[in-house]
Amino acid sequence: MFLTKQHLVMARTLGVAIVALSLGACATYKDEFAGINSRLDQLDTKVQGAAQSAESANQSAQQANQRLDQIESRVQKLETAPRRVPRG
């Protein structure tokens, strides 16, 4: 079966259309990946901020616990000290 010139033109046109659609799909995927990467970057920034806030809160809590420990030892000394008789 011999291909006529019309068949060759049609085959070439279909080939070009397929290539164009394939490249168009790649561009769409590139856009989707770019959007996903942008969202991941935003989430990463938020997670890093949350981690820094958590670390700061942890340090504050440790300092507060140290102060409470100091106060507790003072309170225990006062509770175990002998009672003073009021004057009067």
N, C-alpha and C. Protein backbone atom coordinates (compact mmCIF):
# COMPACT_ATOMS: atom_id res chain seq x y z
N MET A 1 0.85 -1.17 0.00
CA MET A 1 0.00 0.00 0.00
C MET A 1 0.89 1.23 0.00
N PHE A 2 0.66 2.05 -0.96
CA PHE A 2 1.47 3.24 -1.11
C PHE A 2 0.79 4.41 -0.42
N LEU A 3 1.60 5.24 0.26
CA LEU A 3 1.05 6.43 0.91
C LEU A 3 1.04 7.56 -0.09
N THR A 4 -0.07 8.19 -0.16
CA THR A 4 -0.16 9.34 -1.06
C THR A 4 0.36 10.56 -0.34
N LYS A 5 0.54 11.62 -1.08
CA LYS A 5 1.05 12.86 -0.49
C LYS A 5 0.08 13.35 0.58
N GLN A 6 -1.20 13.16 0.36
CA GLN A 6 -2.21 13.60 1.34
C GLN A 6 -2.06 12.80 2.64
N HIS A 7 -1.79 11.51 2.55
CA HIS A 7 -1.58 10.69 3.74
C HIS A 7 -0.34 11.13 4.50
N LEU A 8 0.73 11.45 3.78
CA LEU A 8 1.95 11.91 4.42
C LEU A 8 1.73 13.22 5.17
N VAL A 9 1.00 14.13 4.56
CA VAL A 9 0.70 15.41 5.20
C VAL A 9 -0.14 15.18 6.44
N MET A 10 -1.11 14.30 6.35
CA MET A 10 -1.98 14.00 7.50
C MET A 10 -1.16 13.35 8.62
N ALA A 11 -0.28 12.43 8.29
CA ALA A 11 0.55 11.77 9.30
C ALA A 11 1.48 12.78 9.96
N ARG A 12 2.09 13.65 9.16
CA ARG A 12 2.98 14.67 9.71
C ARG A 12 2.20 15.61 10.63
N THR A 13 1.00 16.00 10.23
CA THR A 13 0.18 16.89 11.04
C THR A 13 -0.19 16.23 12.36
N LEU A 14 -0.57 14.97 12.30
CA LEU A 14 -0.89 14.24 13.52
C LEU A 14 0.33 14.10 14.43
N GLY A 15 1.50 13.84 13.84
CA GLY A 15 2.73 13.75 14.62
C GLY A 15 3.05 15.05 15.32
N VAL A 16 2.91 16.17 14.61
CA VAL A 16 3.16 17.48 15.20
C VAL A 16 2.15 17.75 16.31
N ALA A 17 0.89 17.39 16.10
CA ALA A 17 -0.14 17.61 17.13
C ALA A 17 0.16 16.79 18.38
N ILE A 18 0.60 15.56 18.19
CA ILE A 18 0.91 14.71 19.35
C ILE A 18 2.09 15.29 20.13
N VAL A 19 3.12 15.72 19.43
CA VAL A 19 4.28 16.32 20.09
C VAL A 19 3.87 17.59 20.83
N ALA A 20 3.04 18.42 20.19
CA ALA A 20 2.60 19.67 20.82
C ALA A 20 1.79 19.39 22.07
N LEU A 21 0.90 18.41 22.00
CA LEU A 21 0.11 18.07 23.18
C LEU A 21 0.99 17.51 24.29
N SER A 22 1.98 16.72 23.93
CA SER A 22 2.90 16.17 24.93
C SER A 22 3.67 17.29 25.62
N LEU A 23 4.17 18.23 24.85
CA LEU A 23 4.91 19.34 25.44
C LEU A 23 3.99 20.22 26.29
N GLY A 24 2.76 20.38 25.83
CA GLY A 24 1.79 21.16 26.62
C GLY A 24 1.51 20.49 27.95
N ALA A 25 1.43 19.18 27.95
CA ALA A 25 1.20 18.45 29.20
C ALA A 25 2.40 18.60 30.13
N CYS A 26 3.60 18.60 29.58
CA CYS A 26 4.79 18.81 30.42
C CYS A 26 4.76 20.18 31.07
N ALA A 27 4.35 21.17 30.32
CA ALA A 27 4.26 22.52 30.88
C ALA A 27 3.25 22.55 32.01
N THR A 28 2.14 21.84 31.83
CA THR A 28 1.12 21.80 32.88
C THR A 28 1.68 21.15 34.13
N TYR A 29 2.41 20.04 33.96
CA TYR A 29 3.01 19.38 35.12
C TYR A 29 4.04 20.27 35.78
N LYS A 30 4.81 21.01 34.98
CA LYS A 30 5.80 21.92 35.55
C LYS A 30 5.11 22.96 36.42
N ASP A 31 3.98 23.48 35.93
CA ASP A 31 3.22 24.47 36.71
C ASP A 31 2.70 23.85 38.00
N GLU A 32 2.19 22.63 37.90
CA GLU A 32 1.67 21.95 39.10
C GLU A 32 2.79 21.70 40.10
N PHE A 33 3.94 21.23 39.61
CA PHE A 33 5.07 20.99 40.51
C PHE A 33 5.56 22.29 41.14
N ALA A 34 5.55 23.35 40.36
CA ALA A 34 5.97 24.65 40.91
C ALA A 34 5.02 25.09 42.02
N GLY A 35 3.72 24.89 41.82
CA GLY A 35 2.74 25.23 42.85
C GLY A 35 2.92 24.39 44.10
N ILE A 36 3.14 23.11 43.90
CA ILE A 36 3.34 22.20 45.04
C ILE A 36 4.61 22.58 45.79
N ASN A 37 5.69 22.85 45.05
CA ASN A 37 6.95 23.24 45.70
C ASN A 37 6.79 24.54 46.47
N SER A 38 6.02 25.45 45.93
CA SER A 38 5.78 26.72 46.63
C SER A 38 5.05 26.47 47.95
N ARG A 39 4.03 25.63 47.90
CA ARG A 39 3.29 25.30 49.13
C ARG A 39 4.17 24.58 50.14
N LEU A 40 5.03 23.69 49.65
CA LEU A 40 5.95 22.99 50.55
C LEU A 40 6.92 23.96 51.20
N ASP A 41 7.39 24.94 50.43
CA ASP A 41 8.29 25.95 51.00
C ASP A 41 7.59 26.76 52.09
N GLN A 42 6.32 27.11 51.84
CA GLN A 42 5.55 27.85 52.85
C GLN A 42 5.38 27.01 54.11
N LEU A 43 5.05 25.74 53.94
CA LEU A 43 4.89 24.86 55.10
C LEU A 43 6.20 24.70 55.86
N ASP A 44 7.30 24.59 55.13
CA ASP A 44 8.61 24.46 55.77
C ASP A 44 8.92 25.69 56.60
N THR A 45 8.61 26.86 56.07
CA THR A 45 8.84 28.10 56.81
C THR A 45 7.99 28.13 58.08
N LYS A 46 6.74 27.71 57.97
CA LYS A 46 5.86 27.69 59.15
C LYS A 46 6.36 26.69 60.19
N VAL A 47 6.82 25.53 59.73
CA VAL A 47 7.31 24.51 60.66
C VAL A 47 8.56 25.01 61.38
N GLN A 48 9.45 25.67 60.64
CA GLN A 48 10.65 26.22 61.27
C GLN A 48 10.29 27.28 62.31
N GLY A 49 9.31 28.13 61.98
CA GLY A 49 8.87 29.14 62.95
C GLY A 49 8.26 28.51 64.18
N ALA A 50 7.47 27.47 63.98
CA ALA A 50 6.86 26.77 65.11
C ALA A 50 7.92 26.09 65.97
N ALA A 51 8.94 25.54 65.34
CA ALA A 51 10.01 24.89 66.09
C ALA A 51 10.78 25.91 66.93
N GLN A 52 11.01 27.08 66.36
CA GLN A 52 11.70 28.13 67.12
C GLN A 52 10.84 28.60 68.28
N SER A 53 9.54 28.74 68.06
CA SER A 53 8.65 29.15 69.14
C SER A 53 8.61 28.09 70.24
N ALA A 54 8.58 26.83 69.83
CA ALA A 54 8.56 25.74 70.81
C ALA A 54 9.85 25.73 71.63
N GLU A 55 10.98 25.96 70.98
CA GLU A 55 12.26 25.99 71.70
C GLU A 55 12.29 27.14 72.69
N SER A 56 11.79 28.29 72.28
CA SER A 56 11.75 29.45 73.17
C SER A 56 10.84 29.18 74.37
N ALA A 57 9.68 28.58 74.10
CA ALA A 57 8.75 28.25 75.19
C ALA A 57 9.38 27.22 76.13
N ASN A 58 10.11 26.27 75.59
CA ASN A 58 10.78 25.27 76.41
C ASN A 58 11.81 25.92 77.34
N GLN A 59 12.58 26.84 76.81
CA GLN A 59 13.58 27.53 77.63
C GLN A 59 12.91 28.34 78.73
N SER A 60 11.82 29.02 78.39
CA SER A 60 11.09 29.79 79.41
C SER A 60 10.53 28.88 80.49
N ALA A 61 10.01 27.73 80.09
CA ALA A 61 9.47 26.79 81.06
C ALA A 61 10.56 26.25 81.98
N GLN A 62 11.74 25.99 81.43
CA GLN A 62 12.85 25.51 82.26
C GLN A 62 13.28 26.57 83.27
N GLN A 63 13.32 27.82 82.84
CA GLN A 63 13.67 28.90 83.77
C GLN A 63 12.62 29.03 84.87
N ALA A 64 11.35 28.93 84.49
CA ALA A 64 10.28 29.02 85.48
C ALA A 64 10.37 27.86 86.47
N ASN A 65 10.69 26.67 85.99
CA ASN A 65 10.85 25.51 86.89
C ASN A 65 12.00 25.71 87.86
N GLN A 66 13.09 26.29 87.38
CA GLN A 66 14.22 26.57 88.28
C GLN A 66 13.82 27.55 89.37
N ARG A 67 13.08 28.59 89.00
CA ARG A 67 12.62 29.56 90.00
C ARG A 67 11.68 28.90 91.00
N LEU A 68 10.79 28.04 90.51
CA LEU A 68 9.89 27.34 91.42
C LEU A 68 10.66 26.43 92.39
N ASP A 69 11.67 25.76 91.89
CA ASP A 69 12.49 24.91 92.76
C ASP A 69 13.16 25.74 93.85
N GLN A 70 13.65 26.91 93.50
CA GLN A 70 14.27 27.79 94.50
C GLN A 70 13.26 28.23 95.54
N ILE A 71 12.07 28.61 95.09
CA ILE A 71 11.03 29.06 96.02
C ILE A 71 10.58 27.90 96.90
N GLU A 72 10.48 26.70 96.33
CA GLU A 72 10.02 25.55 97.10
C GLU A 72 10.98 25.26 98.26
N SER A 73 12.27 25.35 98.01
CA SER A 73 13.21 25.09 99.10
C SER A 73 13.06 26.14 100.20
N ARG A 74 12.80 27.38 99.85
CA ARG A 74 12.59 28.42 100.86
C ARG A 74 11.32 28.15 101.66
N VAL A 75 10.27 27.74 100.98
CA VAL A 75 9.00 27.46 101.66
C VAL A 75 9.17 26.29 102.62
N GLN A 76 9.89 25.25 102.20
CA GLN A 76 10.12 24.11 103.09
C GLN A 76 10.92 24.52 104.33
N LYS A 77 11.87 25.41 104.17
CA LYS A 77 12.63 25.89 105.34
C LYS A 77 11.72 26.64 106.30
N LEU A 78 10.85 27.46 105.75
CA LEU A 78 9.92 28.22 106.61
C LEU A 78 8.93 27.30 107.31
N GLU A 79 8.47 26.26 106.62
CA GLU A 79 7.50 25.34 107.23
C GLU A 79 8.13 24.50 108.33
N THR A 80 9.41 24.17 108.17
CA THR A 80 10.05 23.33 109.19
C THR A 80 10.68 24.14 110.31
N ALA A 81 10.75 25.43 110.18
CA ALA A 81 11.32 26.27 111.24
C ALA A 81 10.40 26.26 112.45
N PRO A 82 10.99 26.39 113.63
CA PRO A 82 10.13 26.41 114.84
C PRO A 82 9.23 27.64 114.85
N ARG A 83 8.05 27.44 115.42
CA ARG A 83 7.08 28.55 115.50
C ARG A 83 7.58 29.62 116.45
N ARG A 84 7.38 30.82 116.04
CA ARG A 84 7.75 31.93 116.91
C ARG A 84 6.53 32.34 117.73
N VAL A 85 6.75 32.64 118.94
CA VAL A 85 5.66 33.06 119.81
C VAL A 85 5.44 34.56 119.59
N PRO A 86 4.23 34.93 119.34
CA PRO A 86 3.96 36.35 119.11
C PRO A 86 4.17 37.15 120.38
N ARG A 87 4.62 38.39 120.24
CA ARG A 87 4.79 39.27 121.40
C ARG A 87 3.47 39.84 121.79
N GLY A 88 3.37 40.13 122.99
CA GLY A 88 2.19 40.85 123.36
C GLY A 88 1.59 40.39 124.55
